[in-house]
Amino acid sequence: MSGDERLLSPEEAVEFLNKYRNANITVDILRQMRHKGRVRGTPLGKRMTVYRIRDLMEADLTRYEAGRPKQRGQ
């Protein structure tokens, strides 16, 4: 298994993202991003999701502010 095909637990995935992508996220934020489709995870059983390094490197990790979008020009 090559390095980018290795499977990581959610805790390991967060550690990887915080170290190599300077993401500053938690396991809960990672879960929310997976539900929104911005991070790809692989289900393992009923209650566990694992992440591939390749998928984590391609993930959209931009964080948005809550609420309505601000109007331009104001």
N, C-alpha and C. Protein backbone atom coordinates (compact mmCIF):
# COMPACT_ATOMS: atom_id res chain seq x y z
N MET A 1 0.86 -1.18 0.00
CA MET A 1 0.00 0.00 0.00
C MET A 1 0.90 1.24 0.00
N SER A 2 0.69 2.11 -0.96
CA SER A 2 1.52 3.31 -1.05
C SER A 2 1.15 4.30 0.06
N GLY A 3 1.96 5.33 0.23
CA GLY A 3 1.76 6.28 1.31
C GLY A 3 0.46 7.06 1.22
N ASP A 4 0.01 7.37 0.00
CA ASP A 4 -1.22 8.15 -0.11
C ASP A 4 -2.47 7.28 -0.06
N GLU A 5 -2.32 5.96 -0.01
CA GLU A 5 -3.45 5.05 0.11
C GLU A 5 -3.66 4.57 1.55
N ARG A 6 -2.80 4.99 2.46
CA ARG A 6 -2.92 4.56 3.85
C ARG A 6 -4.20 5.13 4.46
N LEU A 7 -4.88 4.33 5.26
CA LEU A 7 -6.13 4.76 5.89
C LEU A 7 -5.84 5.34 7.27
N LEU A 8 -6.48 6.46 7.58
CA LEU A 8 -6.30 7.14 8.86
C LEU A 8 -7.63 7.20 9.59
N SER A 9 -7.58 7.05 10.90
CA SER A 9 -8.76 7.25 11.72
C SER A 9 -9.08 8.74 11.75
N PRO A 10 -10.25 9.14 12.23
CA PRO A 10 -10.57 10.57 12.29
C PRO A 10 -9.55 11.37 13.11
N GLU A 11 -9.10 10.81 14.22
CA GLU A 11 -8.12 11.51 15.05
C GLU A 11 -6.80 11.67 14.31
N GLU A 12 -6.36 10.62 13.62
CA GLU A 12 -5.12 10.69 12.85
C GLU A 12 -5.27 11.64 11.67
N ALA A 13 -6.44 11.66 11.05
CA ALA A 13 -6.69 12.56 9.92
C ALA A 13 -6.61 14.02 10.37
N VAL A 14 -7.19 14.34 11.52
CA VAL A 14 -7.12 15.71 12.05
C VAL A 14 -5.68 16.08 12.35
N GLU A 15 -4.93 15.17 12.95
CA GLU A 15 -3.52 15.43 13.25
C GLU A 15 -2.74 15.67 11.96
N PHE A 16 -3.00 14.86 10.94
CA PHE A 16 -2.33 15.02 9.65
C PHE A 16 -2.66 16.38 9.02
N LEU A 17 -3.96 16.73 9.00
CA LEU A 17 -4.37 18.00 8.40
C LEU A 17 -3.79 19.19 9.14
N ASN A 18 -3.79 19.13 10.46
CA ASN A 18 -3.25 20.24 11.24
C ASN A 18 -1.75 20.39 11.04
N LYS A 19 -1.06 19.30 10.82
CA LYS A 19 0.39 19.34 10.66
C LYS A 19 0.81 19.73 9.24
N TYR A 20 0.21 19.08 8.23
CA TYR A 20 0.68 19.26 6.87
C TYR A 20 -0.10 20.28 6.05
N ARG A 21 -1.33 20.58 6.43
CA ARG A 21 -2.13 21.56 5.68
C ARG A 21 -2.44 22.81 6.51
N ASN A 22 -1.93 22.88 7.74
CA ASN A 22 -2.17 24.03 8.62
C ASN A 22 -3.65 24.36 8.71
N ALA A 23 -4.47 23.32 8.93
CA ALA A 23 -5.92 23.47 8.87
C ALA A 23 -6.52 23.98 10.17
N ASN A 24 -5.97 23.60 11.32
CA ASN A 24 -6.48 24.00 12.62
C ASN A 24 -7.96 23.60 12.77
N ILE A 25 -8.25 22.30 12.63
CA ILE A 25 -9.61 21.79 12.76
C ILE A 25 -9.66 20.72 13.83
N THR A 26 -10.88 20.33 14.19
CA THR A 26 -11.09 19.27 15.18
C THR A 26 -11.82 18.11 14.48
N VAL A 27 -12.02 17.03 15.23
CA VAL A 27 -12.72 15.87 14.69
C VAL A 27 -14.16 16.25 14.33
N ASP A 28 -14.79 17.08 15.14
CA ASP A 28 -16.17 17.50 14.85
C ASP A 28 -16.25 18.33 13.57
N ILE A 29 -15.29 19.22 13.37
CA ILE A 29 -15.28 20.02 12.14
C ILE A 29 -15.03 19.14 10.93
N LEU A 30 -14.15 18.14 11.07
CA LEU A 30 -13.89 17.20 9.99
C LEU A 30 -15.16 16.43 9.63
N ARG A 31 -15.91 16.01 10.63
CA ARG A 31 -17.17 15.30 10.41
C ARG A 31 -18.16 16.19 9.66
N GLN A 32 -18.27 17.46 10.07
CA GLN A 32 -19.18 18.38 9.41
C GLN A 32 -18.78 18.60 7.95
N MET A 33 -17.49 18.72 7.70
CA MET A 33 -17.01 18.91 6.32
C MET A 33 -17.29 17.67 5.48
N ARG A 34 -17.21 16.48 6.08
CA ARG A 34 -17.53 15.25 5.36
C ARG A 34 -19.02 15.21 5.00
N HIS A 35 -19.87 15.63 5.92
CA HIS A 35 -21.31 15.64 5.66
C HIS A 35 -21.67 16.65 4.57
N LYS A 36 -20.92 17.74 4.46
CA LYS A 36 -21.17 18.74 3.43
C LYS A 36 -20.55 18.36 2.09
N GLY A 37 -19.75 17.28 2.07
CA GLY A 37 -19.15 16.82 0.83
C GLY A 37 -17.83 17.47 0.50
N ARG A 38 -17.22 18.18 1.42
CA ARG A 38 -15.96 18.86 1.16
C ARG A 38 -14.75 18.01 1.47
N VAL A 39 -14.94 16.95 2.27
CA VAL A 39 -13.88 15.99 2.58
C VAL A 39 -14.45 14.61 2.28
N ARG A 40 -13.66 13.78 1.64
CA ARG A 40 -14.13 12.44 1.28
C ARG A 40 -13.65 11.44 2.31
N GLY A 41 -14.57 10.64 2.83
CA GLY A 41 -14.27 9.60 3.79
C GLY A 41 -14.78 8.26 3.31
N THR A 42 -14.21 7.19 3.85
CA THR A 42 -14.63 5.84 3.48
C THR A 42 -15.26 5.19 4.70
N PRO A 43 -16.54 4.80 4.61
CA PRO A 43 -17.17 4.15 5.76
C PRO A 43 -16.54 2.78 6.03
N LEU A 44 -16.32 2.51 7.30
CA LEU A 44 -15.74 1.24 7.72
C LEU A 44 -16.64 0.71 8.83
N GLY A 45 -17.55 -0.17 8.47
CA GLY A 45 -18.54 -0.62 9.44
C GLY A 45 -19.68 0.38 9.51
N LYS A 46 -20.44 0.30 10.61
CA LYS A 46 -21.59 1.19 10.75
C LYS A 46 -21.24 2.55 11.35
N ARG A 47 -20.25 2.60 12.23
CA ARG A 47 -20.02 3.82 12.99
C ARG A 47 -18.65 4.45 12.79
N MET A 48 -17.85 3.92 11.91
CA MET A 48 -16.48 4.41 11.75
C MET A 48 -16.24 4.85 10.32
N THR A 49 -15.60 5.98 10.16
CA THR A 49 -15.20 6.47 8.85
C THR A 49 -13.69 6.66 8.88
N VAL A 50 -13.03 6.20 7.84
CA VAL A 50 -11.58 6.37 7.72
C VAL A 50 -11.31 7.27 6.52
N TYR A 51 -10.12 7.84 6.50
CA TYR A 51 -9.75 8.82 5.48
C TYR A 51 -8.45 8.41 4.83
N ARG A 52 -8.36 8.59 3.51
CA ARG A 52 -7.12 8.34 2.77
C ARG A 52 -6.33 9.65 2.73
N ILE A 53 -5.02 9.53 2.77
CA ILE A 53 -4.16 10.71 2.71
C ILE A 53 -4.39 11.47 1.41
N ARG A 54 -4.55 10.74 0.32
CA ARG A 54 -4.79 11.38 -0.99
C ARG A 54 -6.06 12.23 -0.94
N ASP A 55 -7.13 11.70 -0.34
CA ASP A 55 -8.38 12.45 -0.25
C ASP A 55 -8.24 13.67 0.66
N LEU A 56 -7.44 13.55 1.71
CA LEU A 56 -7.24 14.69 2.62
C LEU A 56 -6.45 15.80 1.94
N MET A 57 -5.49 15.43 1.10
CA MET A 57 -4.70 16.44 0.40
C MET A 57 -5.52 17.17 -0.66
N GLU A 58 -6.56 16.52 -1.21
CA GLU A 58 -7.41 17.14 -2.23
C GLU A 58 -8.63 17.84 -1.65
N ALA A 59 -8.84 17.76 -0.34
CA ALA A 59 -10.05 18.28 0.29
C ALA A 59 -10.08 19.81 0.29
N ASP A 60 -11.30 20.34 0.24
CA ASP A 60 -11.54 21.78 0.36
C ASP A 60 -11.72 22.10 1.83
N LEU A 61 -10.72 22.74 2.44
CA LEU A 61 -10.74 22.99 3.88
C LEU A 61 -11.02 24.45 4.23
N THR A 62 -11.50 25.23 3.28
CA THR A 62 -11.79 26.63 3.58
C THR A 62 -12.95 26.70 4.57
N ARG A 63 -12.83 27.61 5.51
CA ARG A 63 -13.86 27.79 6.53
C ARG A 63 -14.64 29.05 6.20
N TYR A 64 -15.94 28.97 6.33
CA TYR A 64 -16.82 30.09 6.02
C TYR A 64 -17.46 30.60 7.31
N GLU A 65 -17.78 31.89 7.32
CA GLU A 65 -18.47 32.47 8.47
C GLU A 65 -19.93 32.06 8.45
N ALA A 66 -20.50 31.89 9.62
CA ALA A 66 -21.91 31.55 9.72
C ALA A 66 -22.76 32.77 9.40
N GLY A 67 -23.93 32.54 8.89
CA GLY A 67 -24.86 33.63 8.63
C GLY A 67 -25.02 33.92 7.15
N ARG A 68 -25.74 34.96 6.87
CA ARG A 68 -26.00 35.32 5.49
C ARG A 68 -24.78 35.98 4.89
N PRO A 69 -24.60 35.84 3.57
CA PRO A 69 -23.47 36.49 2.91
C PRO A 69 -23.60 38.00 3.01
N LYS A 70 -22.49 38.68 3.14
CA LYS A 70 -22.50 40.13 3.23
C LYS A 70 -22.70 40.73 1.86
N GLN A 71 -23.39 41.89 1.82
CA GLN A 71 -23.62 42.58 0.57
C GLN A 71 -22.34 43.27 0.13
N ARG A 72 -22.10 43.27 -1.15
CA ARG A 72 -20.90 43.96 -1.68
C ARG A 72 -21.15 45.46 -1.71
N GLY A 73 -20.09 46.19 -1.46
CA GLY A 73 -20.17 47.65 -1.56
C GLY A 73 -20.74 48.32 -0.32
N GLN A 74 -20.91 47.59 0.75
CA GLN A 74 -21.44 48.22 1.96
C GLN A 74 -20.42 48.17 3.05
